[in-house]
Amino acid sequence: VLDSKRHNEPVIRVRQGVVNIKGLKILHSCMGTDIWNGNAAVQVQPPFGTDGAPVRIAAPSVGPTANVSCCDIMSLSGRGFVNIDGGLSRIFNCNIHNSAATGIYVGGAGSRALITQTDVVENGNGDNRHARGVARGHSGVYLEQGLAKIIDCNISKNSLTGISAVSGEHATLNIEQSDLIANGSLQLEMPPIGTPSRNRSSSRDNTIAARGTIRLRSKFGKERAAANANLTSPTTALPPLPQSPSEFPDDRVMRAGQVMVVDN
């Protein structure tokens, strides 16, 4: 647990080399609103040079790399996990939940994230502890630049979109065998149609629905659900799905009014 009065201070900051993180419960809170450069539970980012630009780590040295497995991650003040400016993260069987801002953020040239069997749920709720904290309204996964590969994950009940990939030139999103259910607006926002980013991206064998019972993947997610039965109850009074099944021909898209129930 880190409850810091220092501004924009993560629990774990990886600047260079490889760190392996397994089996931790990480609860974060700090002052500040810089959710790009420190206000996050885990920050994977190279240092800045004297010119203010990120330092590119040259071989044989290894750039910032985080292998994170079987962890429970929550930030009460910012993002759950930030991989930025050329960082590499492998996230496996984690529960990233109830963060004030984005659950997982990937941005900056050369950044890469592989996310498997992970729950990214109920993020983007805003910072209720600090008077000038981060406001409500963030995505489960936000890909600004770089590569994000998401396999067999549950990305549900986040405040804004489930997943957003916004760059038309510098983003690649590959998602498969995952559930995107009951997020606040779009369940899945792919890069703009006709752009290089969209041509490189793919969405296959996913379940996309405006409401339904979510299927948890991670050990900590299932433990939390057992302690709070309401986590996996069907949601109600949600906005209709603003997306057409024809937009995602390789996925299962449930239209407004349909209920998708998936057993845990």
Protein backbone atom coordinates (compact mmCIF):
# COMPACT_ATOMS: atom_id res chain seq x y z
CA VAL A 1 0.00 0.00 0.00
CA LEU A 2 1.33 3.42 -0.94
CA ASP A 3 -0.49 6.54 0.26
CA SER A 4 1.93 9.30 -0.62
CA LYS A 5 1.84 13.06 -0.20
CA ARG A 6 4.43 13.34 -2.97
CA HIS A 7 2.97 14.37 -6.29
CA ASN A 8 2.63 11.74 -9.02
CA GLU A 9 4.49 8.96 -7.23
CA PRO A 10 3.77 5.34 -8.28
CA VAL A 11 4.18 2.26 -6.11
CA ILE A 12 6.47 0.62 -8.68
CA ARG A 13 8.44 2.56 -11.29
CA VAL A 14 10.46 0.67 -13.91
CA ARG A 15 12.98 2.87 -15.80
CA GLN A 16 15.42 0.30 -17.21
CA GLY A 17 16.00 -3.43 -17.12
CA VAL A 18 13.60 -6.24 -16.31
CA VAL A 19 11.44 -6.54 -13.21
CA ASN A 20 9.32 -9.59 -12.38
CA ILE A 21 6.30 -8.90 -10.16
CA LYS A 22 4.14 -11.78 -8.95
CA GLY A 23 1.42 -12.30 -6.36
CA LEU A 24 1.19 -8.75 -5.01
CA LYS A 25 -1.80 -6.68 -3.95
CA ILE A 26 -0.96 -3.12 -4.95
CA LEU A 27 -3.09 -0.26 -3.59
CA HIS A 28 -1.96 3.22 -4.65
CA SER A 29 -2.85 6.82 -3.86
CA CYS A 30 -0.84 10.02 -4.27
CA MET A 31 -1.23 13.74 -4.81
CA GLY A 32 -1.24 15.22 -8.31
CA THR A 33 -3.05 14.71 -11.60
CA ASP A 34 -0.24 13.71 -13.99
CA ILE A 35 -1.59 10.30 -14.99
CA TRP A 36 1.03 10.04 -17.76
CA ASN A 37 4.14 10.50 -15.64
CA GLY A 38 3.66 8.99 -12.23
CA ASN A 39 0.12 9.03 -10.88
CA ALA A 40 -0.30 5.29 -11.37
CA ALA A 41 0.11 2.15 -9.29
CA VAL A 42 2.69 0.77 -11.76
CA GLN A 43 4.69 2.99 -14.14
CA VAL A 44 6.87 1.46 -16.90
CA GLN A 45 8.74 4.33 -18.55
CA PRO A 46 12.34 5.23 -19.42
CA PRO A 47 13.91 8.28 -17.76
CA PHE A 48 13.89 11.72 -19.33
CA GLY A 49 17.04 13.27 -20.74
CA THR A 50 18.26 16.82 -20.22
CA ASP A 51 16.20 17.88 -23.25
CA GLY A 52 13.01 16.63 -21.61
CA ALA A 53 12.60 13.74 -24.09
CA PRO A 54 12.53 10.07 -23.07
CA VAL A 55 15.94 8.38 -23.16
CA ARG A 56 16.06 5.55 -25.71
CA ILE A 57 17.85 2.60 -24.15
CA ALA A 58 20.40 1.14 -26.58
CA ALA A 59 21.53 -2.50 -26.77
CA PRO A 60 22.98 -4.35 -25.02
CA SER A 61 21.15 -2.55 -22.21
CA VAL A 62 17.50 -3.48 -21.75
CA GLY A 63 14.71 -0.92 -21.80
CA PRO A 64 12.06 -0.78 -19.09
CA THR A 65 10.36 -4.19 -19.01
CA ALA A 66 7.77 -5.43 -16.53
CA ASN A 67 6.52 -9.01 -16.26
CA VAL A 68 3.50 -8.83 -13.97
CA SER A 69 1.49 -11.90 -13.01
CA CYS A 70 -1.19 -12.83 -10.50
CA CYS A 71 -1.43 -9.31 -9.03
CA ASP A 72 -4.30 -7.17 -7.76
CA ILE A 73 -3.79 -3.54 -8.82
CA MET A 74 -5.81 -0.46 -7.90
CA SER A 75 -5.06 3.27 -7.84
CA LEU A 76 -7.39 5.52 -5.87
CA SER A 77 -5.82 8.64 -7.41
CA GLY A 78 -4.77 7.77 -10.99
CA ARG A 79 -4.22 4.95 -13.46
CA GLY A 80 -3.76 1.34 -12.56
CA PHE A 81 -0.96 0.57 -15.02
CA VAL A 82 0.98 2.84 -17.36
CA ASN A 83 3.32 1.56 -20.10
CA ILE A 84 4.72 4.51 -22.00
CA ASP A 85 7.57 5.90 -24.12
CA GLY A 86 8.90 2.56 -25.35
CA GLY A 87 8.21 0.39 -22.32
CA LEU A 88 7.41 -3.32 -22.58
CA SER A 89 4.88 -4.97 -20.27
CA ARG A 90 3.54 -8.50 -20.04
CA ILE A 91 0.47 -8.67 -17.81
CA PHE A 92 -0.87 -12.12 -16.97
CA ASN A 93 -3.78 -13.17 -14.74
CA CYS A 94 -4.08 -9.82 -12.99
CA ASN A 95 -7.08 -7.94 -11.59
CA ILE A 96 -6.82 -4.22 -12.43
CA HIS A 97 -9.88 -2.57 -10.96
CA ASN A 98 -11.57 0.46 -9.40
CA SER A 99 -8.86 2.92 -10.36
CA ALA A 100 -9.61 6.63 -10.48
CA ALA A 101 -8.45 6.88 -14.10
CA THR A 102 -7.65 4.36 -16.86
CA GLY A 103 -7.09 0.73 -15.92
CA ILE A 104 -4.22 0.19 -18.42
CA TYR A 105 -2.66 2.95 -20.54
CA VAL A 106 -0.24 2.27 -23.41
CA GLY A 107 1.32 5.24 -25.18
CA GLY A 108 4.45 6.66 -26.77
CA ALA A 109 6.46 5.39 -29.71
CA GLY A 110 7.63 1.80 -29.43
CA SER A 111 5.51 0.87 -26.40
CA ARG A 112 4.28 -2.72 -26.26
CA ALA A 113 1.88 -4.54 -23.96
CA LEU A 114 0.76 -8.17 -23.94
CA ILE A 115 -2.28 -8.67 -21.70
CA THR A 116 -3.65 -12.18 -21.10
CA GLN A 117 -6.27 -13.70 -18.79
CA THR A 118 -6.68 -10.39 -17.00
CA ASP A 119 -9.69 -8.56 -15.59
CA VAL A 120 -9.85 -4.80 -16.22
CA VAL A 121 -13.04 -3.76 -14.48
CA GLU A 122 -14.76 -0.74 -12.92
CA ASN A 123 -12.02 1.77 -13.66
CA GLY A 124 -12.36 5.50 -14.36
CA ASN A 125 -14.33 6.42 -11.25
CA GLY A 126 -12.41 9.59 -10.41
CA ASP A 127 -10.39 10.54 -7.35
CA ASN A 128 -12.74 11.06 -4.41
CA ARG A 129 -9.96 11.56 -1.85
CA HIS A 130 -8.33 14.77 -3.10
CA ALA A 131 -10.12 18.06 -3.77
CA ARG A 132 -8.28 18.64 -7.06
CA GLY A 133 -7.92 15.04 -8.08
CA VAL A 134 -8.55 13.23 -11.36
CA ALA A 135 -12.11 13.55 -12.63
CA ARG A 136 -14.39 10.62 -13.43
CA GLY A 137 -14.63 9.25 -16.99
CA HIS A 138 -11.85 6.97 -18.23
CA SER A 139 -11.49 3.76 -20.22
CA GLY A 140 -10.56 0.25 -19.17
CA VAL A 141 -7.70 0.07 -21.69
CA TYR A 142 -6.49 3.13 -23.62
CA LEU A 143 -4.00 2.67 -26.46
CA GLU A 144 -2.65 6.00 -27.66
CA GLN A 145 0.44 4.75 -29.51
CA GLY A 146 2.30 1.47 -29.72
CA LEU A 147 1.11 -2.12 -29.71
CA ALA A 148 -1.41 -3.78 -27.40
CA LYS A 149 -2.23 -7.47 -27.74
CA ILE A 150 -5.13 -8.62 -25.57
CA ILE A 151 -5.99 -12.32 -25.28
CA ASP A 152 -8.72 -13.98 -23.18
CA CYS A 153 -9.40 -10.94 -21.00
CA ASN A 154 -12.45 -9.43 -19.33
CA ILE A 155 -12.75 -5.68 -19.85
CA SER A 156 -16.08 -4.67 -18.36
CA LYS A 157 -18.00 -2.08 -16.35
CA ASN A 158 -15.47 0.71 -16.87
CA SER A 159 -16.65 4.31 -16.66
CA LEU A 160 -16.07 5.31 -20.30
CA THR A 161 -15.07 2.92 -23.10
CA GLY A 162 -13.93 -0.64 -22.60
CA ILE A 163 -10.99 -0.30 -25.01
CA SER A 164 -9.98 2.73 -27.08
CA ALA A 165 -7.27 2.88 -29.75
CA VAL A 166 -7.15 6.43 -31.04
CA SER A 167 -4.16 6.95 -33.32
CA GLY A 168 -4.69 6.51 -37.03
CA GLU A 169 -0.97 6.13 -37.69
CA HIS A 170 0.89 4.78 -34.66
CA ALA A 171 -1.32 2.24 -32.88
CA THR A 172 -1.87 -1.50 -33.34
CA LEU A 173 -4.59 -3.25 -31.36
CA ASN A 174 -5.07 -7.01 -31.54
CA ILE A 175 -7.80 -8.43 -29.32
CA GLU A 176 -9.22 -11.94 -29.27
CA GLN A 177 -11.30 -14.30 -27.12
CA SER A 178 -12.18 -11.50 -24.72
CA ASP A 179 -15.35 -10.06 -23.17
CA LEU A 180 -16.26 -6.38 -23.36
CA ILE A 181 -19.47 -5.96 -21.41
CA ALA A 182 -21.34 -3.09 -19.73
CA ASN A 183 -18.80 -0.34 -20.23
CA GLY A 184 -20.11 3.21 -19.99
CA SER A 185 -20.04 4.19 -23.67
CA LEU A 186 -18.39 2.28 -26.52
CA GLN A 187 -17.39 -1.24 -25.66
CA LEU A 188 -14.60 -1.29 -28.28
CA GLU A 189 -13.21 1.74 -30.12
CA MET A 190 -10.91 0.59 -32.91
CA PRO A 191 -8.63 2.98 -34.85
CA PRO A 192 -10.41 4.99 -37.55
CA ILE A 193 -11.48 3.00 -40.60
CA GLY A 194 -9.09 3.27 -43.56
CA THR A 195 -6.07 4.28 -41.51
CA PRO A 196 -2.79 2.35 -41.26
CA SER A 197 -3.53 1.65 -37.61
CA ARG A 198 -6.88 0.09 -38.45
CA ASN A 199 -5.35 -2.03 -41.19
CA ARG A 200 -2.83 -3.47 -38.72
CA SER A 201 -5.40 -4.05 -35.99
CA SER A 202 -7.77 -6.97 -35.49
CA SER A 203 -10.71 -8.05 -33.32
CA ARG A 204 -11.70 -11.74 -33.36
CA ASP A 205 -13.84 -14.12 -31.30
CA ASN A 206 -14.80 -11.53 -28.71
CA THR A 207 -18.10 -11.01 -26.91
CA ILE A 208 -19.30 -7.38 -27.07
CA ALA A 209 -22.46 -6.51 -25.13
CA ALA A 210 -24.09 -3.54 -23.42
CA ARG A 211 -25.23 -5.64 -20.49
CA GLY A 212 -24.75 -9.09 -19.06
CA THR A 213 -22.91 -11.15 -16.49
CA ILE A 214 -19.16 -10.91 -16.79
CA ARG A 215 -16.83 -13.91 -16.72
CA LEU A 216 -13.83 -13.25 -14.54
CA ARG A 217 -10.41 -14.53 -15.56
CA SER A 218 -8.00 -13.71 -12.75
CA LYS A 219 -7.51 -15.36 -9.38
CA PHE A 220 -7.86 -12.06 -7.52
CA GLY A 221 -10.91 -11.08 -9.58
CA LYS A 222 -12.69 -14.29 -8.62
CA GLU A 223 -11.73 -13.84 -4.97
CA ARG A 224 -13.11 -10.32 -5.01
CA ALA A 225 -16.32 -11.52 -6.62
CA ALA A 226 -16.76 -14.12 -3.91
CA ALA A 227 -16.47 -11.37 -1.30
CA ASN A 228 -18.81 -9.07 -3.22
CA ALA A 229 -21.55 -10.99 -5.00
CA ASN A 230 -22.79 -7.81 -6.70
CA LEU A 231 -19.66 -7.66 -8.87
CA THR A 232 -20.94 -10.31 -11.25
CA SER A 233 -24.67 -9.59 -11.09
CA PRO A 234 -26.38 -8.51 -14.35
CA THR A 235 -26.27 -4.76 -14.78
CA THR A 236 -29.37 -2.67 -15.41
CA ALA A 237 -30.30 0.77 -16.78
CA LEU A 238 -27.27 0.86 -19.04
CA PRO A 239 -27.14 2.85 -22.28
CA PRO A 240 -27.82 0.89 -25.47
CA LEU A 241 -24.86 -0.46 -27.37
CA PRO A 242 -23.93 2.30 -29.86
CA GLN A 243 -22.24 -0.12 -32.25
CA SER A 244 -23.47 -2.29 -35.09
CA PRO A 245 -22.70 -6.01 -35.38
CA SER A 246 -21.54 -5.35 -38.94
CA GLU A 247 -18.68 -3.26 -37.53
CA PHE A 248 -17.19 -6.37 -35.90
CA PRO A 249 -17.92 -9.30 -38.22
CA ASP A 250 -15.56 -11.66 -36.39
CA ASP A 251 -17.07 -11.05 -32.92
CA ARG A 252 -20.32 -11.76 -31.10
CA VAL A 253 -22.09 -8.40 -30.79
CA MET A 254 -25.29 -8.24 -28.72
CA ARG A 255 -27.70 -5.49 -29.70
CA ALA A 256 -29.46 -3.22 -27.21
CA GLY A 257 -32.11 -5.08 -25.26
CA GLN A 258 -30.33 -8.42 -25.46
CA VAL A 259 -28.75 -9.92 -22.38
CA MET A 260 -25.58 -12.00 -22.56
CA VAL A 261 -25.17 -14.31 -19.58
CA VAL A 262 -21.87 -16.16 -19.30
CA ASP A 263 -21.15 -18.54 -16.44
CA ASN A 264 -18.01 -17.99 -14.38
